[in-house]
Amino acid sequence: MAEANEIRNKVAESTLITFNLEDLYQVGERKSFDLKDFLFEGLILREKDYRQALKDFDWTVYRDAFVNIQCSADAIVPQWAFMLAATYLQPVAKRVVMGNLETLETVLYQEALAGIELEQFRDERVIVKGCSKYPVPTSAYVEFVSRLLPISKAVMYGEACSTVPLFKR
């Protein structure tokens, strides 16, 4: 029998499952490929010059990187120009995504979340850990909690010692 003054770790004794989204972070360099660097006078895409510039470009700088393709200039760029850049990037990069760096992280997390076996959370009380050393986009938290709602008993956010309740069935 426990003494009246005994200190108990109620968190350790609980049946809570803590899930840390940063565990899904895909380690690797993130790089941007910006079409603005290939525009004539920063405004116009000239097909012949663009094709030659891509052909002559050293694509090894993107080797094994997660790459987002974007155009940060205020220019009208045809869709095929992004697609053509992707044909050069895909063989060297780990992953190529159209959009900014935030879009890249969102896509990487969506792919990782799609691979999670959700049955482990059925009828369980789940804490989605908050703080992390890697950037976890808000979209990943929303995606994960949306997947948990139909199957879990309760969903909380934060740390076991101080959670914010989000859902309880």
Protein backbone atom coordinates (compact mmCIF):
# COMPACT_ATOMS: atom_id res chain seq x y z
CA MET A 1 0.00 0.00 0.00
CA ALA A 2 1.32 3.43 -0.92
CA GLU A 3 2.21 5.90 1.78
CA ALA A 4 0.09 9.05 2.06
CA ASN A 5 3.14 11.25 1.33
CA GLU A 6 4.45 9.20 -1.58
CA ILE A 7 5.00 11.16 -4.78
CA ARG A 8 3.38 9.51 -7.80
CA ASN A 9 4.08 10.22 -11.43
CA LYS A 10 0.53 10.29 -12.74
CA VAL A 11 1.73 11.06 -16.25
CA ALA A 12 3.81 7.88 -16.35
CA GLU A 13 0.90 5.88 -14.94
CA SER A 14 -1.61 7.21 -17.47
CA THR A 15 -2.64 5.50 -20.67
CA LEU A 16 -1.99 8.59 -22.78
CA ILE A 17 -0.24 8.18 -26.11
CA THR A 18 2.06 11.05 -26.99
CA PHE A 19 2.74 11.56 -30.67
CA ASN A 20 5.47 13.91 -31.83
CA LEU A 21 5.01 15.14 -35.38
CA GLU A 22 8.66 16.13 -35.59
CA ASP A 23 9.43 12.41 -35.69
CA LEU A 24 8.07 12.55 -39.25
CA TYR A 25 10.49 15.28 -40.29
CA GLN A 26 12.51 14.16 -43.28
CA VAL A 27 16.10 15.14 -42.59
CA GLY A 28 17.84 16.69 -45.54
CA GLU A 29 18.74 19.97 -47.12
CA ARG A 30 15.94 22.20 -48.40
CA LYS A 31 16.67 24.28 -51.49
CA SER A 32 14.70 26.57 -53.75
CA PHE A 33 14.88 26.67 -57.52
CA ASP A 34 13.75 30.15 -58.56
CA LEU A 35 12.79 30.76 -62.17
CA LYS A 36 13.37 34.49 -61.74
CA ASP A 37 17.07 33.81 -62.24
CA PHE A 38 16.29 32.60 -65.79
CA LEU A 39 14.08 35.50 -66.91
CA PHE A 40 15.26 38.02 -69.49
CA GLU A 41 15.56 41.37 -67.69
CA GLY A 42 13.76 39.77 -64.76
CA LEU A 43 10.43 39.88 -66.58
CA ILE A 44 10.24 37.69 -69.64
CA LEU A 45 10.83 34.01 -70.24
CA ARG A 46 12.41 33.47 -73.63
CA GLU A 47 11.98 29.80 -74.46
CA LYS A 48 15.16 29.24 -76.45
CA ASP A 49 17.37 31.00 -73.86
CA TYR A 50 15.59 29.26 -70.98
CA ARG A 51 16.02 25.80 -72.47
CA GLN A 52 19.71 26.45 -73.08
CA ALA A 53 20.25 27.86 -69.59
CA LEU A 54 18.66 24.79 -68.03
CA LYS A 55 20.72 22.51 -70.24
CA ASP A 56 23.94 24.27 -69.18
CA PHE A 57 23.04 24.56 -65.48
CA ASP A 58 24.95 22.53 -62.86
CA TRP A 59 22.11 20.49 -61.35
CA THR A 60 24.39 18.71 -58.89
CA VAL A 61 23.85 21.60 -56.44
CA TYR A 62 20.41 20.05 -55.84
CA ARG A 63 21.67 16.49 -55.35
CA ASP A 64 19.76 14.68 -52.56
CA ALA A 65 17.98 17.89 -51.54
CA PHE A 66 14.28 18.55 -51.06
CA VAL A 67 13.55 21.22 -53.68
CA ASN A 68 10.75 23.68 -54.20
CA ILE A 69 10.27 25.30 -57.59
CA GLN A 70 9.00 28.87 -57.58
CA CYS A 71 9.16 32.18 -59.41
CA SER A 72 9.62 35.02 -56.96
CA ALA A 73 9.49 37.66 -59.71
CA ASP A 74 6.23 39.33 -60.62
CA ALA A 75 6.21 37.80 -64.08
CA ILE A 76 3.84 35.67 -66.09
CA VAL A 77 5.53 32.31 -66.52
CA PRO A 78 3.92 29.50 -68.53
CA GLN A 79 3.23 26.22 -66.74
CA TRP A 80 5.53 24.25 -68.99
CA ALA A 81 8.51 26.29 -67.71
CA PHE A 82 8.03 24.90 -64.19
CA MET A 83 7.51 21.42 -65.60
CA LEU A 84 10.69 21.65 -67.66
CA ALA A 85 12.69 22.64 -64.57
CA ALA A 86 11.21 19.63 -62.77
CA THR A 87 12.51 17.30 -65.49
CA TYR A 88 16.04 18.40 -64.62
CA LEU A 89 15.54 18.40 -60.86
CA GLN A 90 13.73 15.09 -60.42
CA PRO A 91 16.72 12.86 -61.29
CA VAL A 92 18.99 14.54 -58.72
CA ALA A 93 16.70 15.73 -55.91
CA LYS A 94 15.01 13.64 -53.20
CA ARG A 95 11.69 15.39 -53.81
CA VAL A 96 10.53 18.23 -56.06
CA VAL A 97 7.48 20.34 -55.25
CA MET A 98 5.91 23.37 -56.90
CA GLY A 99 5.53 26.25 -54.43
CA ASN A 100 7.49 27.93 -51.66
CA LEU A 101 9.45 26.29 -48.83
CA GLU A 102 6.33 26.12 -46.66
CA THR A 103 4.54 24.23 -49.42
CA LEU A 104 7.48 21.84 -49.59
CA GLU A 105 7.28 21.09 -45.85
CA THR A 106 3.51 20.68 -46.08
CA VAL A 107 3.82 18.12 -48.89
CA LEU A 108 6.58 16.21 -47.07
CA TYR A 109 4.45 15.98 -43.92
CA GLN A 110 1.31 14.99 -45.86
CA GLU A 111 3.24 12.13 -47.42
CA ALA A 112 4.63 11.04 -44.06
CA LEU A 113 1.22 11.26 -42.38
CA ALA A 114 -0.32 9.14 -45.13
CA GLY A 115 2.02 6.32 -44.08
CA ILE A 116 1.01 6.29 -40.41
CA GLU A 117 -1.00 3.31 -39.20
CA LEU A 118 -3.88 4.99 -37.35
CA GLU A 119 -5.23 1.84 -35.67
CA GLN A 120 -2.74 2.37 -32.84
CA PHE A 121 -4.80 5.42 -31.82
CA ARG A 122 -8.23 3.73 -31.86
CA ASP A 123 -10.16 4.51 -28.66
CA GLU A 124 -7.02 6.03 -27.14
CA ARG A 125 -6.32 9.38 -25.50
CA VAL A 126 -3.70 11.08 -27.68
CA ILE A 127 -1.46 14.03 -26.96
CA VAL A 128 -0.06 15.75 -30.02
CA LYS A 129 3.27 17.10 -28.82
CA GLY A 130 3.78 20.78 -29.47
CA CYS A 131 7.33 22.04 -29.21
CA SER A 132 9.89 20.70 -31.65
CA LYS A 133 13.37 21.42 -32.90
CA TYR A 134 12.34 20.93 -36.54
CA PRO A 135 9.84 23.11 -38.39
CA VAL A 136 6.44 21.42 -38.33
CA PRO A 137 3.88 23.32 -40.41
CA THR A 138 0.52 24.06 -38.84
CA SER A 139 -1.04 22.19 -41.75
CA ALA A 140 0.55 18.96 -40.45
CA TYR A 141 -1.07 19.43 -37.04
CA VAL A 142 -4.44 20.08 -38.67
CA GLU A 143 -4.08 17.05 -40.96
CA PHE A 144 -3.08 14.76 -38.09
CA VAL A 145 -5.87 15.85 -35.73
CA SER A 146 -8.38 15.49 -38.57
CA ARG A 147 -7.27 11.88 -39.01
CA LEU A 148 -7.44 11.21 -35.26
CA LEU A 149 -10.95 12.54 -34.62
CA PRO A 150 -12.94 9.62 -36.07
CA ILE A 151 -11.01 6.96 -34.15
CA SER A 152 -9.55 8.34 -30.92
CA LYS A 153 -11.23 8.81 -27.57
CA ALA A 154 -9.63 12.19 -26.88
CA VAL A 155 -7.10 14.49 -28.50
CA MET A 156 -4.97 17.01 -26.63
CA TYR A 157 -2.14 19.33 -27.60
CA GLY A 158 1.05 20.10 -25.70
CA GLU A 159 2.97 18.16 -23.08
CA ALA A 160 1.57 15.51 -20.75
CA CYS A 161 1.99 17.83 -17.77
CA SER A 162 0.05 20.69 -19.39
CA THR A 163 -2.24 19.81 -22.27
CA VAL A 164 -4.84 21.80 -24.13
CA PRO A 165 -7.91 19.63 -24.71
CA LEU A 166 -9.04 19.65 -28.34
CA PHE A 167 -11.58 16.85 -28.58
CA LYS A 168 -13.26 14.31 -26.34
CA ARG A 169 -15.72 11.63 -27.33
